[in-house]
Amino acid sequence: MTSTATPEARMWATVTHISALSGLIIPFGTILGPLVIWLVKKEEFPLVNEQGKEALNFQISMAIYCLVAAVLIFVLVGIPLLIVLAVLDLVFTIIAALKVNEGVDYRYPMTIRMIK
């Protein structure tokens, strides 16, 4: 579905998704980045409210999947799973940012939707 949001709303929604990449530098940044932008801009832009929840749900889901994969390191499948999860997180985050910037509402796959 294509969004009729303003360019500014699309920009903030894009930043919400891209902010998850702060986790490459800041511990828990994958969750904190989207959370901060969502909390600050959700009232101002409905698109940021929607996409912020989507980004948060995806990053929380990925954190859960990584915890499970970390436990599975003891049975030797955890390391490949962690690598796959890291690549999927990066790829889906970039795809989400690009789609939202184009004005397309994006829904991540593999997401447990806890924040409604």
PDB file of N, CA and C in Angstrom:
ATOM      1  N   MET A   1       0.838  -1.157   0.000  1.00  0.00           N
ATOM      2  CA  MET A   1       0.000   0.000   0.000  1.00  0.00           C
ATOM      3  C   MET A   1       0.899   1.240   0.000  1.00  0.00           C
ATOM      4  N   THR A   2       0.577   2.199  -0.787  1.00  0.00           N
ATOM      5  CA  THR A   2       1.355   3.419  -0.892  1.00  0.00           C
ATOM      6  C   THR A   2       0.825   4.450   0.087  1.00  0.00           C
ATOM      7  N   SER A   3       1.749   5.104   0.762  1.00  0.00           N
ATOM      8  CA  SER A   3       1.404   6.109   1.754  1.00  0.00           C
ATOM      9  C   SER A   3       1.264   7.481   1.091  1.00  0.00           C
ATOM     10  N   THR A   4       0.377   8.305   1.635  1.00  0.00           N
ATOM     11  CA  THR A   4       0.217   9.673   1.138  1.00  0.00           C
ATOM     12  C   THR A   4       0.887  10.653   2.096  1.00  0.00           C
ATOM     13  N   ALA A   5       1.874  10.189   2.840  1.00  0.00           N
ATOM     14  CA  ALA A   5       2.551  11.011   3.840  1.00  0.00           C
ATOM     15  C   ALA A   5       3.408  12.085   3.176  1.00  0.00           C
ATOM     16  N   THR A   6       3.672  13.105   3.936  1.00  0.00           N
ATOM     17  CA  THR A   6       4.517  14.199   3.466  1.00  0.00           C
ATOM     18  C   THR A   6       5.968  13.719   3.350  1.00  0.00           C
ATOM     19  N   PRO A   7       6.770  14.427   2.581  1.00  0.00           N
ATOM     20  CA  PRO A   7       8.195  14.054   2.497  1.00  0.00           C
ATOM     21  C   PRO A   7       8.889  14.064   3.865  1.00  0.00           C
ATOM     22  N   GLU A   8       8.498  14.997   4.722  1.00  0.00           N
ATOM     23  CA  GLU A   8       9.107  15.041   6.057  1.00  0.00           C
ATOM     24  C   GLU A   8       8.736  13.802   6.876  1.00  0.00           C
ATOM     25  N   ALA A   9       7.482  13.380   6.799  1.00  0.00           N
ATOM     26  CA  ALA A   9       7.051  12.176   7.513  1.00  0.00           C
ATOM     27  C   ALA A   9       7.780  10.952   6.981  1.00  0.00           C
ATOM     28  N   ARG A  10       7.929  10.866   5.656  1.00  0.00           N
ATOM     29  CA  ARG A  10       8.653   9.732   5.067  1.00  0.00           C
ATOM     30  C   ARG A  10      10.111   9.744   5.500  1.00  0.00           C
ATOM     31  N   MET A  11      10.706  10.928   5.590  1.00  0.00           N
ATOM     32  CA  MET A  11      12.095  11.037   6.019  1.00  0.00           C
ATOM     33  C   MET A  11      12.257  10.536   7.450  1.00  0.00           C
ATOM     34  N   TRP A  12      11.365  10.953   8.345  1.00  0.00           N
ATOM     35  CA  TRP A  12      11.462  10.515   9.738  1.00  0.00           C
ATOM     36  C   TRP A  12      11.186   9.017   9.872  1.00  0.00           C
ATOM     37  N   ALA A  13      10.258   8.499   9.080  1.00  0.00           N
ATOM     38  CA  ALA A  13       9.997   7.057   9.103  1.00  0.00           C
ATOM     39  C   ALA A  13      11.226   6.290   8.605  1.00  0.00           C
ATOM     40  N   THR A  14      11.891   6.828   7.592  1.00  0.00           N
ATOM     41  CA  THR A  14      13.122   6.211   7.082  1.00  0.00           C
ATOM     42  C   THR A  14      14.206   6.225   8.151  1.00  0.00           C
ATOM     43  N   VAL A  15      14.356   7.344   8.820  1.00  0.00           N
ATOM     44  CA  VAL A  15      15.353   7.461   9.884  1.00  0.00           C
ATOM     45  C   VAL A  15      15.041   6.484  11.025  1.00  0.00           C
ATOM     46  N   THR A  16      13.761   6.270  11.278  1.00  0.00           N
ATOM     47  CA  THR A  16      13.374   5.309  12.312  1.00  0.00           C
ATOM     48  C   THR A  16      13.928   3.927  11.994  1.00  0.00           C
ATOM     49  N   HIS A  17      13.810   3.511  10.743  1.00  0.00           N
ATOM     50  CA  HIS A  17      14.336   2.197  10.354  1.00  0.00           C
ATOM     51  C   HIS A  17      15.866   2.193  10.374  1.00  0.00           C
ATOM     52  N   ILE A  18      16.476   3.210   9.783  1.00  0.00           N
ATOM     53  CA  ILE A  18      17.936   3.271   9.690  1.00  0.00           C
ATOM     54  C   ILE A  18      18.587   3.380  11.071  1.00  0.00           C
ATOM     55  N   SER A  19      17.894   3.983  12.029  1.00  0.00           N
ATOM     56  CA  SER A  19      18.469   4.153  13.365  1.00  0.00           C
ATOM     57  C   SER A  19      18.772   2.811  14.038  1.00  0.00           C
ATOM     58  N   ALA A  20      18.161   1.753  13.561  1.00  0.00           N
ATOM     59  CA  ALA A  20      18.466   0.426  14.109  1.00  0.00           C
ATOM     60  C   ALA A  20      19.919   0.038  13.839  1.00  0.00           C
ATOM     61  N   LEU A  21      20.510   0.622  12.821  1.00  0.00           N
ATOM     62  CA  LEU A  21      21.911   0.334  12.517  1.00  0.00           C
ATOM     63  C   LEU A  21      22.856   0.922  13.564  1.00  0.00           C
ATOM     64  N   SER A  22      22.342   1.770  14.449  1.00  0.00           N
ATOM     65  CA  SER A  22      23.172   2.289  15.536  1.00  0.00           C
ATOM     66  C   SER A  22      23.628   1.163  16.460  1.00  0.00           C
ATOM     67  N   GLY A  23      22.971   0.031  16.372  1.00  0.00           N
ATOM     68  CA  GLY A  23      23.377  -1.131  17.152  1.00  0.00           C
ATOM     69  C   GLY A  23      24.748  -1.654  16.762  1.00  0.00           C
ATOM     70  N   LEU A  24      25.241  -1.230  15.620  1.00  0.00           N
ATOM     71  CA  LEU A  24      26.600  -1.608  15.228  1.00  0.00           C
ATOM     72  C   LEU A  24      27.636  -0.867  16.076  1.00  0.00           C
ATOM     73  N   ILE A  25      27.214   0.226  16.719  1.00  0.00           N
ATOM     74  CA  ILE A  25      28.123   1.047  17.516  1.00  0.00           C
ATOM     75  C   ILE A  25      27.720   1.063  18.997  1.00  0.00           C
ATOM     76  N   ILE A  26      26.429   1.174  19.244  1.00  0.00           N
ATOM     77  CA  ILE A  26      25.905   1.347  20.605  1.00  0.00           C
ATOM     78  C   ILE A  26      25.236   0.044  21.060  1.00  0.00           C
ATOM     79  N   PRO A  27      25.578  -0.459  22.243  1.00  0.00           N
ATOM     80  CA  PRO A  27      24.872  -1.640  22.753  1.00  0.00           C
ATOM     81  C   PRO A  27      23.366  -1.367  22.842  1.00  0.00           C
ATOM     82  N   PHE A  28      22.585  -2.300  22.385  1.00  0.00           N
ATOM     83  CA  PHE A  28      21.120  -2.216  22.353  1.00  0.00           C
ATOM     84  C   PHE A  28      20.609  -1.101  21.445  1.00  0.00           C
ATOM     85  N   GLY A  29      21.475  -0.563  20.603  1.00  0.00           N
ATOM     86  CA  GLY A  29      21.090   0.503  19.687  1.00  0.00           C
ATOM     87  C   GLY A  29      20.062   0.067  18.666  1.00  0.00           C
ATOM     88  N   THR A  30      20.024  -1.240  18.364  1.00  0.00           N
ATOM     89  CA  THR A  30      19.041  -1.717  17.392  1.00  0.00           C
ATOM     90  C   THR A  30      17.623  -1.465  17.881  1.00  0.00           C
ATOM     91  N   ILE A  31      17.450  -1.478  19.195  1.00  0.00           N
ATOM     92  CA  ILE A  31      16.126  -1.228  19.773  1.00  0.00           C
ATOM     93  C   ILE A  31      16.005   0.230  20.216  1.00  0.00           C
ATOM     94  N   LEU A  32      17.065   0.768  20.815  1.00  0.00           N
ATOM     95  CA  LEU A  32      17.005   2.134  21.343  1.00  0.00           C
ATOM     96  C   LEU A  32      16.846   3.189  20.247  1.00  0.00           C
ATOM     97  N   GLY A  33      17.503   3.016  19.115  1.00  0.00           N
ATOM     98  CA  GLY A  33      17.403   3.986  18.026  1.00  0.00           C
ATOM     99  C   GLY A  33      15.967   4.182  17.558  1.00  0.00           C
ATOM    100  N   PRO A  34      15.310   3.101  17.088  1.00  0.00           N
ATOM    101  CA  PRO A  34      13.912   3.253  16.666  1.00  0.00           C
ATOM    102  C   PRO A  34      12.982   3.691  17.801  1.00  0.00           C
ATOM    103  N   LEU A  35      13.267   3.233  19.027  1.00  0.00           N
ATOM    104  CA  LEU A  35      12.412   3.587  20.161  1.00  0.00           C
ATOM    105  C   LEU A  35      12.430   5.095  20.415  1.00  0.00           C
ATOM    106  N   VAL A  36      13.610   5.692  20.428  1.00  0.00           N
ATOM    107  CA  VAL A  36      13.723   7.126  20.700  1.00  0.00           C
ATOM    108  C   VAL A  36      13.008   7.936  19.621  1.00  0.00           C
ATOM    109  N   ILE A  37      13.249   7.619  18.365  1.00  0.00           N
ATOM    110  CA  ILE A  37      12.610   8.384  17.285  1.00  0.00           C
ATOM    111  C   ILE A  37      11.099   8.184  17.304  1.00  0.00           C
ATOM    112  N   TRP A  38      10.664   6.955  17.530  1.00  0.00           N
ATOM    113  CA  TRP A  38       9.225   6.680  17.597  1.00  0.00           C
ATOM    114  C   TRP A  38       8.570   7.479  18.722  1.00  0.00           C
ATOM    115  N   LEU A  39       9.187   7.464  19.913  1.00  0.00           N
ATOM    116  CA  LEU A  39       8.606   8.181  21.044  1.00  0.00           C
ATOM    117  C   LEU A  39       8.556   9.688  20.813  1.00  0.00           C
ATOM    118  N   VAL A  40       9.554  10.234  20.140  1.00  0.00           N
ATOM    119  CA  VAL A  40       9.612  11.675  19.924  1.00  0.00           C
ATOM    120  C   VAL A  40       8.672  12.133  18.809  1.00  0.00           C
ATOM    121  N   LYS A  41       8.541  11.332  17.735  1.00  0.00           N
ATOM    122  CA  LYS A  41       7.828  11.792  16.536  1.00  0.00           C
ATOM    123  C   LYS A  41       6.479  11.117  16.277  1.00  0.00           C
ATOM    124  N   LYS A  42       6.071  10.164  17.108  1.00  0.00           N
ATOM    125  CA  LYS A  42       4.845   9.408  16.806  1.00  0.00           C
ATOM    126  C   LYS A  42       3.586  10.264  16.826  1.00  0.00           C
ATOM    127  N   GLU A  43       3.538  11.281  17.676  1.00  0.00           N
ATOM    128  CA  GLU A  43       2.357  12.147  17.740  1.00  0.00           C
ATOM    129  C   GLU A  43       2.308  13.111  16.552  1.00  0.00           C
ATOM    130  N   GLU A  44       3.476  13.477  16.059  1.00  0.00           N
ATOM    131  CA  GLU A  44       3.557  14.452  14.978  1.00  0.00           C
ATOM    132  C   GLU A  44       3.259  13.841  13.610  1.00  0.00           C
ATOM    133  N   PHE A  45       3.690  12.588  13.413  1.00  0.00           N
ATOM    134  CA  PHE A  45       3.544  11.934  12.112  1.00  0.00           C
ATOM    135  C   PHE A  45       2.937  10.537  12.278  1.00  0.00           C
ATOM    136  N   PRO A  46       1.724  10.302  11.791  1.00  0.00           N
ATOM    137  CA  PRO A  46       1.122   8.966  11.880  1.00  0.00           C
ATOM    138  C   PRO A  46       1.984   7.881  11.209  1.00  0.00           C
ATOM    139  N   LEU A  47       2.673   8.235  10.122  1.00  0.00           N
ATOM    140  CA  LEU A  47       3.528   7.263   9.450  1.00  0.00           C
ATOM    141  C   LEU A  47       4.666   6.816  10.357  1.00  0.00           C
ATOM    142  N   VAL A  48       5.237   7.740  11.115  1.00  0.00           N
ATOM    143  CA  VAL A  48       6.317   7.394  12.048  1.00  0.00           C
ATOM    144  C   VAL A  48       5.763   6.513  13.166  1.00  0.00           C
ATOM    145  N   ASN A  49       4.541   6.780  13.595  1.00  0.00           N
ATOM    146  CA  ASN A  49       3.920   5.933  14.609  1.00  0.00           C
ATOM    147  C   ASN A  49       3.794   4.499  14.097  1.00  0.00           C
ATOM    148  N   GLU A  50       3.283   4.353  12.897  1.00  0.00           N
ATOM    149  CA  GLU A  50       3.093   3.018  12.309  1.00  0.00           C
ATOM    150  C   GLU A  50       4.432   2.320  12.040  1.00  0.00           C
ATOM    151  N   GLN A  51       5.334   3.008  11.360  1.00  0.00           N
ATOM    152  CA  GLN A  51       6.611   2.387  10.992  1.00  0.00           C
ATOM    153  C   GLN A  51       7.540   2.236  12.196  1.00  0.00           C
ATOM    154  N   GLY A  52       7.406   3.108  13.178  1.00  0.00           N
ATOM    155  CA  GLY A  52       8.191   2.965  14.401  1.00  0.00           C
ATOM    156  C   GLY A  52       7.832   1.695  15.146  1.00  0.00           C
ATOM    157  N   LYS A  53       6.541   1.426  15.244  1.00  0.00           N
ATOM    158  CA  LYS A  53       6.107   0.178  15.883  1.00  0.00           C
ATOM    159  C   LYS A  53       6.598  -1.028  15.091  1.00  0.00           C
ATOM    160  N   GLU A  54       6.547  -0.919  13.775  1.00  0.00           N
ATOM    161  CA  GLU A  54       7.008  -2.014  12.920  1.00  0.00           C
ATOM    162  C   GLU A  54       8.503  -2.267  13.122  1.00  0.00           C
ATOM    163  N   ALA A  55       9.292  -1.184  13.131  1.00  0.00           N
ATOM    164  CA  ALA A  55      10.738  -1.317  13.321  1.00  0.00           C
ATOM    165  C   ALA A  55      11.054  -1.884  14.703  1.00  0.00           C
ATOM    166  N   LEU A  56      10.375  -1.399  15.721  1.00  0.00           N
ATOM    167  CA  LEU A  56      10.599  -1.906  17.076  1.00  0.00           C
ATOM    168  C   LEU A  56      10.245  -3.381  17.193  1.00  0.00           C
ATOM    169  N   ASN A  57       9.094  -3.752  16.664  1.00  0.00           N
ATOM    170  CA  ASN A  57       8.692  -5.155  16.709  1.00  0.00           C
ATOM    171  C   ASN A  57       9.714  -6.050  16.020  1.00  0.00           C
ATOM    172  N   PHE A  58      10.218  -5.610  14.877  1.00  0.00           N
ATOM    173  CA  PHE A  58      11.199  -6.410  14.151  1.00  0.00           C
ATOM    174  C   PHE A  58      12.495  -6.522  14.948  1.00  0.00           C
ATOM    175  N   GLN A  59      12.977  -5.425  15.483  1.00  0.00           N
ATOM    176  CA  GLN A  59      14.253  -5.464  16.207  1.00  0.00           C
ATOM    177  C   GLN A  59      14.133  -6.264  17.512  1.00  0.00           C
ATOM    178  N   ILE A  60      13.004  -6.170  18.187  1.00  0.00           N
ATOM    179  CA  ILE A  60      12.785  -6.994  19.383  1.00  0.00           C
ATOM    180  C   ILE A  60      12.723  -8.466  18.990  1.00  0.00           C
ATOM    181  N   SER A  61      12.043  -8.762  17.892  1.00  0.00           N
ATOM    182  CA  SER A  61      11.974 -10.151  17.405  1.00  0.00           C
ATOM    183  C   SER A  61      13.363 -10.675  17.080  1.00  0.00           C
ATOM    184  N   MET A  62      14.171  -9.853  16.406  1.00  0.00           N
ATOM    185  CA  MET A  62      15.531 -10.280  16.059  1.00  0.00           C
ATOM    186  C   MET A  62      16.366 -10.515  17.317  1.00  0.00           C
ATOM    187  N   ALA A  63      16.179  -9.696  18.347  1.00  0.00           N
ATOM    188  CA  ALA A  63      16.904  -9.884  19.608  1.00  0.00           C
ATOM    189  C   ALA A  63      16.525 -11.226  20.244  1.00  0.00           C
ATOM    190  N   ILE A  64      15.244 -11.559  20.195  1.00  0.00           N
ATOM    191  CA  ILE A  64      14.793 -12.855  20.729  1.00  0.00           C
ATOM    192  C   ILE A  64      15.412 -13.999  19.930  1.00  0.00           C
ATOM    193  N   TYR A  65      15.380 -13.885  18.597  1.00  0.00           N
ATOM    194  CA  TYR A  65      15.953 -14.931  17.755  1.00  0.00           C
ATOM    195  C   TYR A  65      17.450 -15.077  18.017  1.00  0.00           C
ATOM    196  N   CYS A  66      18.147 -13.967  18.241  1.00  0.00           N
ATOM    197  CA  CYS A  66      19.589 -14.033  18.518  1.00  0.00           C
ATOM    198  C   CYS A  66      19.875 -14.685  19.867  1.00  0.00           C
ATOM    199  N   LEU A  67      19.026 -14.420  20.845  1.00  0.00           N
ATOM    200  CA  LEU A  67      19.199 -15.089  22.140  1.00  0.00           C
ATOM    201  C   LEU A  67      19.041 -16.599  22.003  1.00  0.00           C
ATOM    202  N   VAL A  68      18.054 -17.024  21.236  1.00  0.00           N
ATOM    203  CA  VAL A  68      17.855 -18.461  20.996  1.00  0.00           C
ATOM    204  C   VAL A  68      19.059 -19.037  20.256  1.00  0.00           C
ATOM    205  N   ALA A  69      19.540 -18.328  19.246  1.00  0.00           N
ATOM    206  CA  ALA A  69      20.711 -18.797  18.489  1.00  0.00           C
ATOM    207  C   ALA A  69      21.943 -18.858  19.386  1.00  0.00           C
ATOM    208  N   ALA A  70      22.083 -17.892  20.308  1.00  0.00           N
ATOM    209  CA  ALA A  70      23.228 -17.902  21.219  1.00  0.00           C
ATOM    210  C   ALA A  70      23.200 -19.141  22.109  1.00  0.00           C
ATOM    211  N   VAL A  71      22.026 -19.547  22.555  1.00  0.00           N
ATOM    212  CA  VAL A  71      21.904 -20.772  23.346  1.00  0.00           C
ATOM    213  C   VAL A  71      22.261 -21.988  22.491  1.00  0.00           C
ATOM    214  N   LEU A  72      21.899 -21.940  21.216  1.00  0.00           N
ATOM    215  CA  LEU A  72      22.165 -23.065  20.324  1.00  0.00           C
ATOM    216  C   LEU A  72      23.628 -23.178  19.908  1.00  0.00           C
ATOM    217  N   ILE A  73      24.462 -22.235  20.327  1.00  0.00           N
ATOM    218  CA  ILE A  73      25.896 -22.354  20.057  1.00  0.00           C
ATOM    219  C   ILE A  73      26.432 -23.650  20.668  1.00  0.00           C
ATOM    220  N   PHE A  74      25.859 -24.055  21.780  1.00  0.00           N
ATOM    221  CA  PHE A  74      26.321 -25.263  22.468  1.00  0.00           C
ATOM    222  C   PHE A  74      26.047 -26.540  21.680  1.00  0.00           C
ATOM    223  N   VAL A  75      25.133 -26.484  20.713  1.00  0.00           N
ATOM    224  CA  VAL A  75      24.887 -27.649  19.849  1.00  0.00           C
ATOM    225  C   VAL A  75      25.368 -27.383  18.423  1.00  0.00           C
ATOM    226  N   LEU A  76      26.263 -26.385  18.308  1.00  0.00           N
ATOM    227  CA  LEU A  76      27.001 -26.091  17.076  1.00  0.00           C
ATOM    228  C   LEU A  76      26.183 -25.551  15.912  1.00  0.00           C
ATOM    229  N   VAL A  77      24.937 -25.200  16.112  1.00  0.00           N
ATOM    230  CA  VAL A  77      24.177 -24.572  15.030  1.00  0.00           C
ATOM    231  C   VAL A  77      23.973 -23.080  15.287  1.00  0.00           C
ATOM    232  N   GLY A  78      24.338 -22.629  16.475  1.00  0.00           N
ATOM    233  CA  GLY A  78      24.107 -21.241  16.852  1.00  0.00           C
ATOM    234  C   GLY A  78      24.932 -20.232  16.075  1.00  0.00           C
ATOM    235  N   ILE A  79      26.184 -20.558  15.814  1.00  0.00           N
ATOM    236  CA  ILE A  79      27.050 -19.597  15.110  1.00  0.00           C
ATOM    237  C   ILE A  79      26.543 -19.332  13.691  1.00  0.00           C
ATOM    238  N   PRO A  80      26.255 -20.365  12.894  1.00  0.00           N
ATOM    239  CA  PRO A  80      25.692 -20.066  11.564  1.00  0.00           C
ATOM    240  C   PRO A  80      24.356 -19.327  11.646  1.00  0.00           C
ATOM    241  N   LEU A  81      23.541 -19.659  12.632  1.00  0.00           N
ATOM    242  CA  LEU A  81      22.262 -18.959  12.794  1.00  0.00           C
ATOM    243  C   LEU A  81      22.468 -17.484  13.133  1.00  0.00           C
ATOM    244  N   LEU A  82      23.430 -17.184  13.994  1.00  0.00           N
ATOM    245  CA  LEU A  82      23.712 -15.794  14.338  1.00  0.00           C
ATOM    246  C   LEU A  82      24.178 -15.004  13.117  1.00  0.00           C
ATOM    247  N   ILE A  83      24.992 -15.633  12.281  1.00  0.00           N
ATOM    248  CA  ILE A  83      25.461 -14.977  11.059  1.00  0.00           C
ATOM    249  C   ILE A  83      24.288 -14.692  10.128  1.00  0.00           C
ATOM    250  N   VAL A  84      23.432 -15.684   9.938  1.00  0.00           N
ATOM    251  CA  VAL A  84      22.262 -15.515   9.070  1.00  0.00           C
ATOM    252  C   VAL A  84      21.342 -14.430   9.625  1.00  0.00           C
ATOM    253  N   LEU A  85      21.122 -14.431  10.923  1.00  0.00           N
ATOM    254  CA  LEU A  85      20.254 -13.422  11.536  1.00  0.00           C
ATOM    255  C   LEU A  85      20.836 -12.014  11.377  1.00  0.00           C
ATOM    256  N   ALA A  86      22.150 -11.879  11.524  1.00  0.00           N
ATOM    257  CA  ALA A  86      22.783 -10.567  11.361  1.00  0.00           C
ATOM    258  C   ALA A  86      22.612 -10.058   9.936  1.00  0.00           C
ATOM    259  N   VAL A  87      22.799 -10.939   8.962  1.00  0.00           N
ATOM    260  CA  VAL A  87      22.643 -10.537   7.558  1.00  0.00           C
ATOM    261  C   VAL A  87      21.188 -10.178   7.272  1.00  0.00           C
ATOM    262  N   LEU A  88      20.250 -11.005   7.745  1.00  0.00           N
ATOM    263  CA  LEU A  88      18.826 -10.712   7.522  1.00  0.00           C
ATOM    264  C   LEU A  88      18.417  -9.396   8.168  1.00  0.00           C
ATOM    265  N   ASP A  89      18.907  -9.140   9.364  1.00  0.00           N
ATOM    266  CA  ASP A  89      18.586  -7.891  10.049  1.00  0.00           C
ATOM    267  C   ASP A  89      19.071  -6.701   9.224  1.00  0.00           C
ATOM    268  N   LEU A  90      20.291  -6.760   8.753  1.00  0.00           N
ATOM    269  CA  LEU A  90      20.840  -5.668   7.941  1.00  0.00           C
ATOM    270  C   LEU A  90      20.060  -5.484   6.641  1.00  0.00           C
ATOM    271  N   VAL A  91      19.819  -6.576   5.942  1.00  0.00           N
ATOM    272  CA  VAL A  91      19.132  -6.508   4.645  1.00  0.00           C
ATOM    273  C   VAL A  91      17.698  -6.010   4.796  1.00  0.00           C
ATOM    274  N   PHE A  92      16.953  -6.564   5.739  1.00  0.00           N
ATOM    275  CA  PHE A  92      15.560  -6.147   5.908  1.00  0.00           C
ATOM    276  C   PHE A  92      15.453  -4.704   6.399  1.00  0.00           C
ATOM    277  N   THR A  93      16.407  -4.260   7.223  1.00  0.00           N
ATOM    278  CA  THR A  93      16.395  -2.877   7.690  1.00  0.00           C
ATOM    279  C   THR A  93      16.609  -1.918   6.521  1.00  0.00           C
ATOM    280  N   ILE A  94      17.547  -2.239   5.655  1.00  0.00           N
ATOM    281  CA  ILE A  94      17.806  -1.387   4.487  1.00  0.00           C
ATOM    282  C   ILE A  94      16.616  -1.391   3.533  1.00  0.00           C
ATOM    283  N   ILE A  95      16.038  -2.558   3.295  1.00  0.00           N
ATOM    284  CA  ILE A  95      14.859  -2.646   2.417  1.00  0.00           C
ATOM    285  C   ILE A  95      13.713  -1.811   2.994  1.00  0.00           C
ATOM    286  N   ALA A  96      13.486  -1.923   4.304  1.00  0.00           N
ATOM    287  CA  ALA A  96      12.408  -1.164   4.945  1.00  0.00           C
ATOM    288  C   ALA A  96      12.626   0.331   4.774  1.00  0.00           C
ATOM    289  N   ALA A  97      13.856   0.784   4.998  1.00  0.00           N
ATOM    290  CA  ALA A  97      14.149   2.214   4.868  1.00  0.00           C
ATOM    291  C   ALA A  97      13.914   2.694   3.439  1.00  0.00           C
ATOM    292  N   LEU A  98      14.352   1.913   2.473  1.00  0.00           N
ATOM    293  CA  LEU A  98      14.168   2.300   1.070  1.00  0.00           C
ATOM    294  C   LEU A  98      12.689   2.338   0.688  1.00  0.00           C
ATOM    295  N   LYS A  99      11.939   1.326   1.105  1.00  0.00           N
ATOM    296  CA  LYS A  99      10.511   1.272   0.761  1.00  0.00           C
ATOM    297  C   LYS A  99       9.739   2.431   1.388  1.00  0.00           C
ATOM    298  N   VAL A 100       9.997   2.688   2.669  1.00  0.00           N
ATOM    299  CA  VAL A 100       9.285   3.770   3.348  1.00  0.00           C
ATOM    300  C   VAL A 100       9.653   5.118   2.731  1.00  0.00           C
ATOM    301  N   ASN A 101      10.897   5.281   2.361  1.00  0.00           N
ATOM    302  CA  ASN A 101      11.318   6.526   1.717  1.00  0.00           C
ATOM    303  C   ASN A 101      10.623   6.724   0.369  1.00  0.00           C
ATOM    304  N   GLU A 102      10.296   5.624  -0.304  1.00  0.00           N
ATOM    305  CA  GLU A 102       9.553   5.695  -1.574  1.00  0.00           C
ATOM    306  C   GLU A 102       8.065   5.930  -1.358  1.00  0.00           C
ATOM    307  N   GLY A 103       7.610   5.841  -0.104  1.00  0.00           N
ATOM    308  CA  GLY A 103       6.203   6.058   0.195  1.00  0.00           C
ATOM    309  C   GLY A 103       5.398   4.774   0.289  1.00  0.00           C
ATOM    310  N   VAL A 104       6.064   3.638   0.354  1.00  0.00           N
ATOM    311  CA  VAL A 104       5.390   2.341   0.455  1.00  0.00           C
ATOM    312  C   VAL A 104       5.412   1.893   1.916  1.00  0.00           C
ATOM    313  N   ASP A 105       4.249   1.573   2.471  1.00  0.00           N
ATOM    314  CA  ASP A 105       4.193   1.046   3.833  1.00  0.00           C
ATOM    315  C   ASP A 105       4.868  -0.317   3.850  1.00  0.00           C
ATOM    316  N   TYR A 106       5.813  -0.514   4.772  1.00  0.00           N
ATOM    317  CA  TYR A 106       6.586  -1.749   4.801  1.00  0.00           C
ATOM    318  C   TYR A 106       6.270  -2.550   6.046  1.00  0.00           C
ATOM    319  N   ARG A 107       6.128  -3.856   5.862  1.00  0.00           N
ATOM    320  CA  ARG A 107       5.953  -4.796   6.977  1.00  0.00           C
ATOM    321  C   ARG A 107       7.073  -5.817   6.893  1.00  0.00           C
ATOM    322  N   TYR A 108       7.833  -5.916   7.984  1.00  0.00           N
ATOM    323  CA  TYR A 108       8.935  -6.871   8.047  1.00  0.00           C
ATOM    324  C   TYR A 108       8.412  -8.305   8.102  1.00  0.00           C
ATOM    325  N   PRO A 109       9.128  -9.229   7.460  1.00  0.00           N
ATOM    326  CA  PRO A 109       8.801 -10.647   7.653  1.00  0.00           C
ATOM    327  C   PRO A 109       9.403 -11.121   8.986  1.00  0.00           C
ATOM    328  N   MET A 110       9.016 -12.267   9.433  1.00  0.00           N
ATOM    329  CA  MET A 110       9.575 -12.901  10.638  1.00  0.00           C
ATOM    330  C   MET A 110       9.391 -12.058  11.908  1.00  0.00           C
ATOM    331  N   THR A 111       8.353 -11.263  11.984  1.00  0.00           N
ATOM    332  CA  THR A 111       8.181 -10.329  13.089  1.00  0.00           C
ATOM    333  C   THR A 111       7.087 -10.791  14.036  1.00  0.00           C
ATOM    334  N   ILE A 112       7.429 -10.771  15.327  1.00  0.00           N
ATOM    335  CA  ILE A 112       6.428 -10.988  16.363  1.00  0.00           C
ATOM    336  C   ILE A 112       5.901  -9.597  16.697  1.00  0.00           C
ATOM    337  N   ARG A 113       4.651  -9.353  16.446  1.00  0.00           N
ATOM    338  CA  ARG A 113       4.087  -8.011  16.625  1.00  0.00           C
ATOM    339  C   ARG A 113       3.567  -7.854  18.052  1.00  0.00           C
ATOM    340  N   MET A 114       4.446  -7.396  18.931  1.00  0.00           N
ATOM    341  CA  MET A 114       4.124  -7.226  20.341  1.00  0.00           C
ATOM    342  C   MET A 114       3.564  -5.835  20.620  1.00  0.00           C
ATOM    343  N   ILE A 115       4.079  -4.826  19.927  1.00  0.00           N
ATOM    344  CA  ILE A 115       3.614  -3.448  20.099  1.00  0.00           C
ATOM    345  C   ILE A 115       2.542  -3.195  19.050  1.00  0.00           C
ATOM    346  N   LYS A 116       1.360  -2.912  19.490  1.00  0.00           N
ATOM    347  CA  LYS A 116       0.246  -2.755  18.559  1.00  0.00           C
ATOM    348  C   LYS A 116      -0.093  -1.323  18.323  1.00  0.00           C
TER     349      LYS A 116
END
